[in-house]
Amino acid sequence: MVVEGNIGAGKTSLVKRLAEDYGAKPVFERFEQNPFLEKFYQQPERYALSLEMSFLADRYDQLKKEVQTRDMFYPFMVADYYLMKSLIFSRNTLAEDEYKLYSHLFHIIHASLPKPDLYVYLHQEVKQLMWNIQTRGRDYEKAITPEYLESIQEGYFHFFRQQSGIRILILDTREVDFVHNEDDYQRLLDTLFRREYAEGVTRCSLRPL
């Protein structure tokens, strides 16, 4: 299972909780180790290609190793990102000519990785994302703007419209706090594990009636 979402959507928090409650093997993106991340937020045009290339290499290397060394003692694996994240973000950060080259390289690499059983996208409004980002207080995220988050969100939806042969679940988490509210978390679990989803895109709301 893959849990994706915009910056500040709560994907890492959810993966941690799922791993603890179900004994699943968690896979976390190693974004804080990227030497270009802070530089990119300060000078995006100068460091965009370096950032995206380094993320692509590291994400592929990590996912490849995790998939090849699956432990039989874990019932399933849950990750807070998938390689497609590289293509989604690069589409918004790279110049057109750079993106064409990057996309060509990406698809060569991506073809060697298996598809996730379920791709979960946590949808949250930009205003709440900004609040979440400011609350956690990472210095290198201070330059993130609502416009940037909106462009990333549109990148995900553009990606979803083009996909086939994969189960994608878009969860509307607006007005929901699955990290601190147990009722919200239980509704999320019910949506994830007690329903069957066909290939294609399914939209669900976690907001209480």
N, C-alpha and C. Protein backbone atom coordinates (compact mmCIF):
# COMPACT_ATOMS: atom_id res chain seq x y z
N MET A 1 0.84 -1.20 0.00
CA MET A 1 0.00 0.00 0.00
C MET A 1 0.87 1.25 0.00
N VAL A 2 0.44 2.24 -0.76
CA VAL A 2 1.13 3.53 -0.79
C VAL A 2 0.17 4.60 -0.29
N VAL A 3 0.65 5.45 0.60
CA VAL A 3 -0.12 6.60 1.08
C VAL A 3 0.56 7.86 0.57
N GLU A 4 -0.12 8.59 -0.28
CA GLU A 4 0.43 9.81 -0.86
C GLU A 4 -0.41 11.01 -0.46
N GLY A 5 0.06 12.18 -0.85
CA GLY A 5 -0.67 13.40 -0.55
C GLY A 5 0.24 14.59 -0.74
N ASN A 6 -0.35 15.76 -0.68
CA ASN A 6 0.42 16.99 -0.80
C ASN A 6 1.30 17.18 0.43
N ILE A 7 2.17 18.16 0.39
CA ILE A 7 3.03 18.46 1.53
C ILE A 7 2.16 18.85 2.72
N GLY A 8 2.34 18.17 3.86
CA GLY A 8 1.58 18.49 5.05
C GLY A 8 0.23 17.79 5.15
N ALA A 9 -0.02 16.81 4.29
CA ALA A 9 -1.33 16.13 4.30
C ALA A 9 -1.46 15.09 5.40
N GLY A 10 -0.35 14.68 6.01
CA GLY A 10 -0.40 13.70 7.09
C GLY A 10 -0.06 12.29 6.68
N LYS A 11 0.54 12.12 5.51
CA LYS A 11 0.82 10.77 5.01
C LYS A 11 1.81 10.01 5.88
N THR A 12 2.87 10.67 6.35
CA THR A 12 3.85 9.98 7.19
C THR A 12 3.26 9.60 8.54
N SER A 13 2.45 10.47 9.11
CA SER A 13 1.79 10.17 10.38
C SER A 13 0.87 8.97 10.24
N LEU A 14 0.16 8.90 9.12
CA LEU A 14 -0.74 7.77 8.90
C LEU A 14 0.03 6.47 8.71
N VAL A 15 1.10 6.50 7.95
CA VAL A 15 1.91 5.29 7.73
C VAL A 15 2.47 4.78 9.05
N LYS A 16 2.94 5.67 9.90
CA LYS A 16 3.46 5.26 11.21
C LYS A 16 2.38 4.55 12.02
N ARG A 17 1.18 5.11 12.01
CA ARG A 17 0.08 4.52 12.79
C ARG A 17 -0.34 3.17 12.22
N LEU A 18 -0.43 3.07 10.91
CA LEU A 18 -0.80 1.80 10.29
C LEU A 18 0.24 0.72 10.58
N ALA A 19 1.52 1.10 10.53
CA ALA A 19 2.58 0.14 10.80
C ALA A 19 2.52 -0.36 12.24
N GLU A 20 2.24 0.54 13.16
CA GLU A 20 2.15 0.17 14.57
C GLU A 20 0.93 -0.72 14.84
N ASP A 21 -0.20 -0.37 14.28
CA ASP A 21 -1.45 -1.08 14.58
C ASP A 21 -1.59 -2.41 13.86
N TYR A 22 -0.95 -2.54 12.71
CA TYR A 22 -1.11 -3.76 11.90
C TYR A 22 0.18 -4.56 11.75
N GLY A 23 1.25 -4.11 12.38
CA GLY A 23 2.51 -4.81 12.26
C GLY A 23 3.07 -4.80 10.85
N ALA A 24 2.71 -3.78 10.07
CA ALA A 24 3.16 -3.68 8.68
C ALA A 24 4.59 -3.13 8.62
N LYS A 25 5.23 -3.36 7.51
CA LYS A 25 6.57 -2.83 7.31
C LYS A 25 6.47 -1.42 6.74
N PRO A 26 6.94 -0.41 7.48
CA PRO A 26 6.84 0.96 6.98
C PRO A 26 8.04 1.33 6.11
N VAL A 27 7.77 2.13 5.09
CA VAL A 27 8.82 2.67 4.24
C VAL A 27 8.62 4.18 4.18
N PHE A 28 9.61 4.92 4.68
CA PHE A 28 9.50 6.37 4.74
C PHE A 28 10.48 7.04 3.79
N GLU A 29 10.00 8.08 3.13
CA GLU A 29 10.87 8.82 2.22
C GLU A 29 11.98 9.51 3.01
N ARG A 30 13.17 9.48 2.45
CA ARG A 30 14.33 10.05 3.13
C ARG A 30 14.60 11.47 2.64
N PHE A 31 13.56 12.30 2.67
CA PHE A 31 13.66 13.63 2.06
C PHE A 31 14.60 14.55 2.83
N GLU A 32 14.68 14.39 4.14
CA GLU A 32 15.52 15.29 4.93
C GLU A 32 17.01 15.09 4.66
N GLN A 33 17.36 13.98 4.04
CA GLN A 33 18.76 13.72 3.71
C GLN A 33 19.16 14.32 2.37
N ASN A 34 18.21 14.89 1.65
CA ASN A 34 18.52 15.44 0.33
C ASN A 34 19.26 16.77 0.47
N PRO A 35 20.48 16.87 -0.07
CA PRO A 35 21.29 18.08 0.10
C PRO A 35 20.78 19.28 -0.70
N PHE A 36 19.84 19.05 -1.63
CA PHE A 36 19.36 20.14 -2.48
C PHE A 36 18.01 20.71 -2.05
N LEU A 37 17.37 20.09 -1.05
CA LEU A 37 16.00 20.48 -0.71
C LEU A 37 15.91 21.92 -0.21
N GLU A 38 16.70 22.26 0.77
CA GLU A 38 16.66 23.63 1.31
C GLU A 38 17.11 24.64 0.25
N LYS A 39 18.11 24.28 -0.54
CA LYS A 39 18.59 25.17 -1.60
C LYS A 39 17.50 25.41 -2.63
N PHE A 40 16.72 24.36 -2.92
CA PHE A 40 15.65 24.50 -3.90
C PHE A 40 14.59 25.49 -3.43
N TYR A 41 14.17 25.39 -2.17
CA TYR A 41 13.14 26.30 -1.67
C TYR A 41 13.62 27.75 -1.69
N GLN A 42 14.92 27.95 -1.59
CA GLN A 42 15.48 29.30 -1.60
C GLN A 42 15.72 29.80 -3.03
N GLN A 43 16.17 28.90 -3.92
CA GLN A 43 16.45 29.26 -5.31
C GLN A 43 15.93 28.15 -6.24
N PRO A 44 14.61 28.10 -6.42
CA PRO A 44 14.01 26.98 -7.15
C PRO A 44 14.50 26.81 -8.58
N GLU A 45 14.69 27.88 -9.32
CA GLU A 45 15.10 27.74 -10.71
C GLU A 45 16.52 27.17 -10.83
N ARG A 46 17.37 27.51 -9.90
CA ARG A 46 18.76 27.05 -9.97
C ARG A 46 18.89 25.59 -9.58
N TYR A 47 18.13 25.14 -8.59
CA TYR A 47 18.35 23.81 -8.02
C TYR A 47 17.26 22.80 -8.35
N ALA A 48 16.29 23.16 -9.18
CA ALA A 48 15.17 22.25 -9.45
C ALA A 48 15.63 20.93 -10.06
N LEU A 49 16.46 20.99 -11.10
CA LEU A 49 16.88 19.76 -11.77
C LEU A 49 17.74 18.89 -10.85
N SER A 50 18.65 19.51 -10.11
CA SER A 50 19.49 18.76 -9.18
C SER A 50 18.63 18.08 -8.11
N LEU A 51 17.63 18.80 -7.62
CA LEU A 51 16.74 18.24 -6.60
C LEU A 51 15.97 17.05 -7.14
N GLU A 52 15.35 17.20 -8.29
CA GLU A 52 14.50 16.14 -8.83
C GLU A 52 15.32 14.91 -9.24
N MET A 53 16.50 15.10 -9.79
CA MET A 53 17.34 13.97 -10.16
C MET A 53 17.80 13.20 -8.92
N SER A 54 18.18 13.92 -7.88
CA SER A 54 18.63 13.25 -6.65
C SER A 54 17.49 12.52 -5.97
N PHE A 55 16.28 13.11 -5.97
CA PHE A 55 15.11 12.43 -5.41
C PHE A 55 14.79 11.18 -6.20
N LEU A 56 14.82 11.27 -7.51
CA LEU A 56 14.50 10.12 -8.34
C LEU A 56 15.45 8.96 -8.06
N ALA A 57 16.73 9.26 -8.00
CA ALA A 57 17.73 8.21 -7.76
C ALA A 57 17.54 7.58 -6.39
N ASP A 58 17.32 8.41 -5.38
CA ASP A 58 17.20 7.88 -4.02
C ASP A 58 15.90 7.11 -3.83
N ARG A 59 14.79 7.61 -4.39
CA ARG A 59 13.51 6.92 -4.25
C ARG A 59 13.54 5.57 -4.95
N TYR A 60 14.10 5.55 -6.14
CA TYR A 60 14.18 4.28 -6.86
C TYR A 60 15.06 3.28 -6.11
N ASP A 61 16.19 3.74 -5.64
CA ASP A 61 17.10 2.85 -4.92
C ASP A 61 16.44 2.29 -3.67
N GLN A 62 15.75 3.13 -2.91
CA GLN A 62 15.10 2.67 -1.68
C GLN A 62 13.96 1.70 -1.97
N LEU A 63 13.08 2.06 -2.89
CA LEU A 63 11.94 1.19 -3.19
C LEU A 63 12.38 -0.15 -3.78
N LYS A 64 13.37 -0.12 -4.63
CA LYS A 64 13.88 -1.35 -5.24
C LYS A 64 14.39 -2.30 -4.15
N LYS A 65 15.16 -1.76 -3.21
CA LYS A 65 15.70 -2.58 -2.13
C LYS A 65 14.59 -3.11 -1.22
N GLU A 66 13.60 -2.27 -0.91
CA GLU A 66 12.53 -2.68 0.00
C GLU A 66 11.68 -3.79 -0.63
N VAL A 67 11.38 -3.65 -1.90
CA VAL A 67 10.56 -4.65 -2.58
C VAL A 67 11.30 -5.97 -2.71
N GLN A 68 12.59 -5.92 -3.00
CA GLN A 68 13.37 -7.13 -3.18
C GLN A 68 13.64 -7.86 -1.88
N THR A 69 13.59 -7.14 -0.75
CA THR A 69 13.91 -7.76 0.54
C THR A 69 12.69 -7.81 1.45
N ARG A 70 11.52 -8.08 0.88
CA ARG A 70 10.30 -8.14 1.69
C ARG A 70 10.42 -9.22 2.75
N ASP A 71 10.06 -8.86 3.96
CA ASP A 71 10.19 -9.76 5.12
C ASP A 71 8.88 -10.53 5.30
N MET A 72 8.97 -11.85 5.38
CA MET A 72 7.78 -12.68 5.52
C MET A 72 7.06 -12.47 6.85
N PHE A 73 7.71 -11.82 7.80
CA PHE A 73 7.10 -11.60 9.11
C PHE A 73 6.18 -10.38 9.12
N TYR A 74 6.19 -9.60 8.04
CA TYR A 74 5.28 -8.46 7.94
C TYR A 74 4.08 -8.85 7.07
N PRO A 75 2.85 -8.57 7.50
CA PRO A 75 1.68 -8.92 6.69
C PRO A 75 1.59 -8.12 5.39
N PHE A 76 2.07 -6.88 5.41
CA PHE A 76 2.11 -6.07 4.19
C PHE A 76 3.07 -4.90 4.40
N MET A 77 3.35 -4.21 3.32
CA MET A 77 4.24 -3.06 3.35
C MET A 77 3.43 -1.80 3.08
N VAL A 78 3.73 -0.73 3.79
CA VAL A 78 3.04 0.54 3.58
C VAL A 78 4.09 1.65 3.50
N ALA A 79 4.02 2.43 2.43
CA ALA A 79 5.01 3.48 2.18
C ALA A 79 4.34 4.84 2.13
N ASP A 80 5.07 5.88 2.53
CA ASP A 80 4.51 7.23 2.50
C ASP A 80 4.85 7.97 1.20
N TYR A 81 5.27 7.21 0.19
CA TYR A 81 5.49 7.79 -1.13
C TYR A 81 5.62 6.65 -2.14
N TYR A 82 5.52 7.03 -3.42
CA TYR A 82 5.78 6.08 -4.49
C TYR A 82 6.60 6.82 -5.55
N LEU A 83 7.21 6.10 -6.43
CA LEU A 83 8.12 6.72 -7.39
C LEU A 83 7.40 7.77 -8.25
N MET A 84 6.11 7.58 -8.52
CA MET A 84 5.36 8.54 -9.33
C MET A 84 5.42 9.95 -8.75
N LYS A 85 5.69 10.06 -7.47
CA LYS A 85 5.82 11.37 -6.85
C LYS A 85 6.88 12.20 -7.55
N SER A 86 7.93 11.54 -8.02
CA SER A 86 9.01 12.25 -8.70
C SER A 86 8.50 12.93 -9.97
N LEU A 87 7.67 12.23 -10.73
CA LEU A 87 7.15 12.80 -11.97
C LEU A 87 6.17 13.92 -11.68
N ILE A 88 5.36 13.76 -10.66
CA ILE A 88 4.35 14.77 -10.31
C ILE A 88 5.01 16.07 -9.89
N PHE A 89 6.00 15.98 -9.01
CA PHE A 89 6.67 17.19 -8.53
C PHE A 89 7.52 17.83 -9.62
N SER A 90 8.21 17.00 -10.40
CA SER A 90 9.10 17.56 -11.42
C SER A 90 8.32 18.31 -12.50
N ARG A 91 7.10 17.87 -12.75
CA ARG A 91 6.27 18.56 -13.74
C ARG A 91 6.00 20.01 -13.33
N ASN A 92 6.03 20.27 -12.03
CA ASN A 92 5.77 21.61 -11.53
C ASN A 92 7.04 22.41 -11.26
N THR A 93 8.17 21.76 -11.19
CA THR A 93 9.40 22.46 -10.81
C THR A 93 10.40 22.65 -11.95
N LEU A 94 10.33 21.80 -12.99
CA LEU A 94 11.33 21.85 -14.05
C LEU A 94 10.85 22.67 -15.25
N ALA A 95 11.81 23.24 -15.96
CA ALA A 95 11.51 23.89 -17.22
C ALA A 95 11.06 22.84 -18.23
N GLU A 96 10.39 23.26 -19.29
CA GLU A 96 9.78 22.31 -20.22
C GLU A 96 10.81 21.36 -20.83
N ASP A 97 11.94 21.89 -21.29
CA ASP A 97 12.94 21.03 -21.91
C ASP A 97 13.56 20.07 -20.91
N GLU A 98 13.76 20.54 -19.67
CA GLU A 98 14.31 19.67 -18.63
C GLU A 98 13.32 18.57 -18.27
N TYR A 99 12.03 18.94 -18.23
CA TYR A 99 11.01 17.95 -17.87
C TYR A 99 10.90 16.85 -18.92
N LYS A 100 11.01 17.18 -20.18
CA LYS A 100 10.95 16.17 -21.24
C LYS A 100 12.07 15.15 -21.08
N LEU A 101 13.28 15.63 -20.81
CA LEU A 101 14.41 14.73 -20.61
C LEU A 101 14.21 13.91 -19.35
N TYR A 102 13.78 14.57 -18.29
CA TYR A 102 13.55 13.90 -17.01
C TYR A 102 12.47 12.83 -17.15
N SER A 103 11.39 13.16 -17.83
CA SER A 103 10.28 12.22 -17.99
C SER A 103 10.72 10.98 -18.76
N HIS A 104 11.53 11.16 -19.77
CA HIS A 104 12.04 10.02 -20.53
C HIS A 104 12.82 9.08 -19.63
N LEU A 105 13.71 9.64 -18.83
CA LEU A 105 14.52 8.84 -17.91
C LEU A 105 13.63 8.19 -16.85
N PHE A 106 12.66 8.93 -16.35
CA PHE A 106 11.78 8.41 -15.31
C PHE A 106 11.05 7.15 -15.78
N HIS A 107 10.46 7.18 -16.95
CA HIS A 107 9.67 6.05 -17.43
C HIS A 107 10.52 4.81 -17.67
N ILE A 108 11.77 5.00 -18.02
CA ILE A 108 12.67 3.85 -18.15
C ILE A 108 12.87 3.19 -16.79
N ILE A 109 13.07 4.00 -15.77
CA ILE A 109 13.31 3.49 -14.42
C ILE A 109 12.03 2.92 -13.82
N HIS A 110 10.92 3.63 -13.99
CA HIS A 110 9.66 3.25 -13.36
C HIS A 110 9.16 1.89 -13.82
N ALA A 111 9.46 1.53 -15.05
CA ALA A 111 8.97 0.26 -15.62
C ALA A 111 9.47 -0.96 -14.87
N SER A 112 10.55 -0.81 -14.12
CA SER A 112 11.13 -1.96 -13.42
C SER A 112 10.57 -2.15 -12.01
N LEU A 113 9.69 -1.27 -11.57
CA LEU A 113 9.11 -1.38 -10.23
C LEU A 113 7.68 -1.91 -10.31
N PRO A 114 7.27 -2.77 -9.37
CA PRO A 114 5.88 -3.25 -9.37
C PRO A 114 4.92 -2.16 -8.92
N LYS A 115 3.66 -2.27 -9.34
CA LYS A 115 2.65 -1.31 -8.94
C LYS A 115 2.16 -1.64 -7.52
N PRO A 116 1.79 -0.63 -6.74
CA PRO A 116 1.24 -0.91 -5.40
C PRO A 116 -0.14 -1.56 -5.49
N ASP A 117 -0.49 -2.34 -4.47
CA ASP A 117 -1.82 -2.95 -4.43
C ASP A 117 -2.92 -1.90 -4.34
N LEU A 118 -2.66 -0.85 -3.59
CA LEU A 118 -3.61 0.25 -3.44
C LEU A 118 -2.83 1.55 -3.27
N TYR A 119 -3.22 2.54 -4.08
CA TYR A 119 -2.59 3.86 -4.03
C TYR A 119 -3.59 4.81 -3.37
N VAL A 120 -3.27 5.27 -2.17
CA VAL A 120 -4.17 6.13 -1.39
C VAL A 120 -3.66 7.57 -1.44
N TYR A 121 -4.54 8.47 -1.81
CA TYR A 121 -4.20 9.89 -1.85
C TYR A 121 -5.03 10.64 -0.82
N LEU A 122 -4.36 11.33 0.10
CA LEU A 122 -5.03 12.12 1.14
C LEU A 122 -5.24 13.54 0.63
N HIS A 123 -6.49 13.89 0.37
CA HIS A 123 -6.79 15.22 -0.16
C HIS A 123 -7.15 16.16 0.99
N GLN A 124 -6.44 17.29 1.03
CA GLN A 124 -6.67 18.29 2.07
C GLN A 124 -6.63 19.67 1.42
N GLU A 125 -7.40 20.60 1.95
CA GLU A 125 -7.41 21.95 1.38
C GLU A 125 -6.10 22.66 1.69
N VAL A 126 -5.72 23.57 0.81
CA VAL A 126 -4.43 24.24 0.89
C VAL A 126 -4.27 25.03 2.19
N LYS A 127 -5.35 25.66 2.63
CA LYS A 127 -5.28 26.45 3.87
C LYS A 127 -4.84 25.58 5.05
N GLN A 128 -5.39 24.37 5.14
CA GLN A 128 -5.02 23.46 6.22
C GLN A 128 -3.60 22.93 6.03
N LEU A 129 -3.21 22.68 4.80
CA LEU A 129 -1.84 22.25 4.53
C LEU A 129 -0.83 23.29 5.00
N MET A 130 -1.11 24.56 4.71
CA MET A 130 -0.21 25.63 5.14
C MET A 130 -0.11 25.68 6.66
N TRP A 131 -1.25 25.48 7.33
CA TRP A 131 -1.24 25.48 8.80
C TRP A 131 -0.41 24.31 9.32
N ASN A 132 -0.58 23.14 8.73
CA ASN A 132 0.19 21.97 9.15
C ASN A 132 1.69 22.18 8.96
N ILE A 133 2.05 22.76 7.83
CA ILE A 133 3.46 23.01 7.52
C ILE A 133 4.06 24.00 8.52
N GLN A 134 3.34 25.06 8.80
CA GLN A 134 3.83 26.07 9.74
C GLN A 134 3.92 25.51 11.16
N THR A 135 2.99 24.63 11.51
CA THR A 135 2.97 24.07 12.86
C THR A 135 4.17 23.17 13.11
N ARG A 136 4.55 22.35 12.13
CA ARG A 136 5.68 21.45 12.35
C ARG A 136 7.01 22.17 12.28
N GLY A 137 7.06 23.36 11.70
CA GLY A 137 8.20 24.26 11.86
C GLY A 137 9.52 23.84 11.24
N ARG A 138 9.49 23.19 10.08
CA ARG A 138 10.74 22.85 9.41
C ARG A 138 11.27 24.09 8.70
N ASP A 139 12.51 24.45 8.98
CA ASP A 139 13.07 25.68 8.43
C ASP A 139 13.03 25.72 6.91
N TYR A 140 13.36 24.60 6.28
CA TYR A 140 13.45 24.60 4.82
C TYR A 140 12.08 24.66 4.14
N GLU A 141 10.98 24.54 4.92
CA GLU A 141 9.64 24.61 4.35
C GLU A 141 9.01 26.00 4.49
N LYS A 142 9.73 26.94 5.09
CA LYS A 142 9.16 28.26 5.33
C LYS A 142 8.83 29.01 4.04
N ALA A 143 9.53 28.68 2.97
CA ALA A 143 9.31 29.39 1.71
C ALA A 143 8.17 28.81 0.87
N ILE A 144 7.54 27.73 1.34
CA ILE A 144 6.45 27.12 0.58
C ILE A 144 5.24 28.07 0.55
N THR A 145 4.66 28.24 -0.62
CA THR A 145 3.53 29.14 -0.80
C THR A 145 2.25 28.36 -1.11
N PRO A 146 1.09 28.97 -0.88
CA PRO A 146 -0.16 28.32 -1.27
C PRO A 146 -0.20 28.01 -2.76
N GLU A 147 0.37 28.88 -3.57
CA GLU A 147 0.37 28.66 -5.02
C GLU A 147 1.17 27.41 -5.39
N TYR A 148 2.27 27.18 -4.68
CA TYR A 148 3.07 25.98 -4.95
C TYR A 148 2.29 24.72 -4.58
N LEU A 149 1.61 24.76 -3.44
CA LEU A 149 0.81 23.61 -3.02
C LEU A 149 -0.33 23.34 -3.99
N GLU A 150 -0.95 24.39 -4.49
CA GLU A 150 -2.02 24.22 -5.46
C GLU A 150 -1.51 23.59 -6.75
N SER A 151 -0.29 23.97 -7.16
CA SER A 151 0.27 23.38 -8.38
C SER A 151 0.60 21.91 -8.19
N ILE A 152 1.06 21.53 -7.00
CA ILE A 152 1.34 20.13 -6.70
C ILE A 152 0.02 19.33 -6.68
N GLN A 153 -1.00 19.92 -6.09
CA GLN A 153 -2.30 19.25 -6.04
C GLN A 153 -2.82 18.98 -7.44
N GLU A 154 -2.72 19.96 -8.31
CA GLU A 154 -3.17 19.78 -9.69
C GLU A 154 -2.32 18.73 -10.40
N GLY A 155 -1.03 18.65 -10.05
CA GLY A 155 -0.16 17.64 -10.62
C GLY A 155 -0.61 16.24 -10.28
N TYR A 156 -1.04 16.03 -9.04
CA TYR A 156 -1.57 14.73 -8.65
C TYR A 156 -2.83 14.38 -9.42
N PHE A 157 -3.76 15.33 -9.54
CA PHE A 157 -5.02 15.05 -10.24
C PHE A 157 -4.77 14.81 -11.73
N HIS A 158 -3.80 15.50 -12.30
CA HIS A 158 -3.43 15.25 -13.69
C HIS A 158 -2.91 13.83 -13.85
N PHE A 159 -2.11 13.41 -12.90
CA PHE A 159 -1.57 12.04 -12.90
C PHE A 159 -2.70 11.01 -12.80
N PHE A 160 -3.65 11.23 -11.90
CA PHE A 160 -4.75 10.28 -11.71
C PHE A 160 -5.57 10.12 -12.98
N ARG A 161 -5.80 11.23 -13.70
CA ARG A 161 -6.62 11.16 -14.90
C ARG A 161 -5.98 10.32 -16.00
N GLN A 162 -4.69 10.12 -15.92
CA GLN A 162 -3.98 9.40 -16.97
C GLN A 162 -3.70 7.94 -16.63
N GLN A 163 -4.07 7.50 -15.44
CA GLN A 163 -3.70 6.16 -14.99
C GLN A 163 -4.74 5.10 -15.35
N SER A 164 -4.24 3.89 -15.56
CA SER A 164 -5.09 2.72 -15.76
C SER A 164 -4.34 1.51 -15.20
N GLY A 165 -5.08 0.48 -14.86
CA GLY A 165 -4.44 -0.72 -14.34
C GLY A 165 -3.94 -0.59 -12.92
N ILE A 166 -4.44 0.40 -12.17
CA ILE A 166 -4.01 0.58 -10.79
C ILE A 166 -5.21 1.07 -9.98
N ARG A 167 -5.30 0.64 -8.74
CA ARG A 167 -6.39 1.05 -7.86
C ARG A 167 -5.98 2.31 -7.10
N ILE A 168 -6.68 3.38 -7.33
CA ILE A 168 -6.39 4.67 -6.70
C ILE A 168 -7.58 5.09 -5.85
N LEU A 169 -7.33 5.36 -4.59
CA LEU A 169 -8.36 5.80 -3.66
C LEU A 169 -8.06 7.22 -3.20
N ILE A 170 -8.90 8.16 -3.59
CA ILE A 170 -8.75 9.55 -3.17
C ILE A 170 -9.63 9.77 -1.95
N LEU A 171 -9.00 10.05 -0.82
CA LEU A 171 -9.72 10.26 0.43
C LEU A 171 -9.82 11.75 0.74
N ASP A 172 -11.04 12.24 0.84
CA ASP A 172 -11.27 13.63 1.23
C ASP A 172 -11.12 13.72 2.75
N THR A 173 -10.03 14.32 3.21
CA THR A 173 -9.77 14.41 4.66
C THR A 173 -10.01 15.81 5.21
N ARG A 174 -10.70 16.65 4.44
CA ARG A 174 -11.04 17.98 4.95
C ARG A 174 -11.96 17.86 6.16
N GLU A 175 -11.71 18.67 7.17
CA GLU A 175 -12.48 18.67 8.42
C GLU A 175 -12.33 17.35 9.17
N VAL A 176 -11.23 16.64 8.90
CA VAL A 176 -10.97 15.36 9.54
C VAL A 176 -9.57 15.39 10.17
N ASP A 177 -9.44 14.82 11.36
CA ASP A 177 -8.14 14.75 12.03
C ASP A 177 -7.89 13.30 12.45
N PHE A 178 -7.38 12.50 11.51
CA PHE A 178 -7.16 11.08 11.81
C PHE A 178 -5.93 10.85 12.69
N VAL A 179 -5.15 11.90 12.94
CA VAL A 179 -3.98 11.77 13.81
C VAL A 179 -4.39 11.86 15.28
N HIS A 180 -5.30 12.77 15.62
CA HIS A 180 -5.66 13.01 17.01
C HIS A 180 -7.08 12.58 17.37
N ASN A 181 -7.91 12.33 16.37
CA ASN A 181 -9.30 11.96 16.64
C ASN A 181 -9.50 10.48 16.31
N GLU A 182 -9.81 9.69 17.33
CA GLU A 182 -9.91 8.24 17.14
C GLU A 182 -11.08 7.86 16.25
N ASP A 183 -12.19 8.57 16.34
CA ASP A 183 -13.33 8.27 15.47
C ASP A 183 -12.97 8.48 14.01
N ASP A 184 -12.26 9.56 13.73
CA ASP A 184 -11.83 9.82 12.36
C ASP A 184 -10.88 8.72 11.87
N TYR A 185 -10.00 8.31 12.73
CA TYR A 185 -9.05 7.26 12.37
C TYR A 185 -9.76 5.94 12.10
N GLN A 186 -10.75 5.61 12.90
CA GLN A 186 -11.48 4.37 12.69
C GLN A 186 -12.28 4.39 11.39
N ARG A 187 -12.83 5.55 11.03
CA ARG A 187 -13.53 5.66 9.74
C ARG A 187 -12.55 5.47 8.59
N LEU A 188 -11.33 5.98 8.77
CA LEU A 188 -10.31 5.79 7.75
C LEU A 188 -9.96 4.32 7.60
N LEU A 189 -9.79 3.61 8.72
CA LEU A 189 -9.47 2.18 8.66
C LEU A 189 -10.58 1.40 7.97
N ASP A 190 -11.81 1.74 8.29
CA ASP A 190 -12.95 1.07 7.66
C ASP A 190 -12.93 1.27 6.14
N THR A 191 -12.57 2.47 5.71
CA THR A 191 -12.51 2.78 4.29
C THR A 191 -11.37 2.03 3.60
N LEU A 192 -10.25 1.89 4.29
CA LEU A 192 -9.08 1.24 3.69
C LEU A 192 -9.21 -0.27 3.63
N PHE A 193 -9.67 -0.88 4.70
CA PHE A 193 -9.56 -2.33 4.84
C PHE A 193 -10.87 -3.11 4.75
N ARG A 194 -11.99 -2.45 4.79
CA ARG A 194 -13.25 -3.19 4.80
C ARG A 194 -14.07 -2.96 3.53
N ARG A 195 -13.40 -2.48 2.50
CA ARG A 195 -14.06 -2.28 1.23
C ARG A 195 -13.15 -2.78 0.11
N GLU A 196 -13.77 -3.15 -1.01
CA GLU A 196 -13.01 -3.58 -2.18
C GLU A 196 -13.06 -2.47 -3.23
N TYR A 197 -11.93 -2.28 -3.89
CA TYR A 197 -11.84 -1.22 -4.90
C TYR A 197 -11.39 -1.80 -6.23
N ALA A 198 -12.07 -1.39 -7.28
CA ALA A 198 -11.70 -1.83 -8.63
C ALA A 198 -10.59 -0.95 -9.17
N GLU A 199 -10.00 -1.37 -10.26
CA GLU A 199 -8.98 -0.56 -10.91
C GLU A 199 -9.61 0.76 -11.36
N GLY A 200 -8.81 1.81 -11.29
CA GLY A 200 -9.32 3.13 -11.61
C GLY A 200 -9.35 4.00 -10.36
N VAL A 201 -10.03 5.12 -10.45
CA VAL A 201 -10.07 6.09 -9.35
C VAL A 201 -11.39 6.01 -8.60
N THR A 202 -11.30 5.88 -7.27
CA THR A 202 -12.47 5.91 -6.38
C THR A 202 -12.30 7.08 -5.41
N ARG A 203 -13.35 7.86 -5.24
CA ARG A 203 -13.32 9.00 -4.33
C ARG A 203 -14.20 8.70 -3.11
N CYS A 204 -13.65 8.95 -1.93
CA CYS A 204 -14.40 8.76 -0.68
C CYS A 204 -14.18 9.94 0.24
N SER A 205 -15.18 10.28 1.00
CA SER A 205 -15.07 11.34 2.00
C SER A 205 -15.04 10.71 3.39
N LEU A 206 -14.14 11.19 4.23
CA LEU A 206 -14.06 10.72 5.61
C LEU A 206 -14.82 11.64 6.56
N ARG A 207 -15.37 12.71 6.02
CA ARG A 207 -16.07 13.66 6.88
C ARG A 207 -17.34 13.02 7.45
N PRO A 208 -17.58 13.20 8.75
CA PRO A 208 -18.78 12.61 9.36
C PRO A 208 -20.05 13.23 8.78
N LEU A 209 -21.11 12.43 8.72
CA LEU A 209 -22.38 12.93 8.20
C LEU A 209 -23.04 13.89 9.17
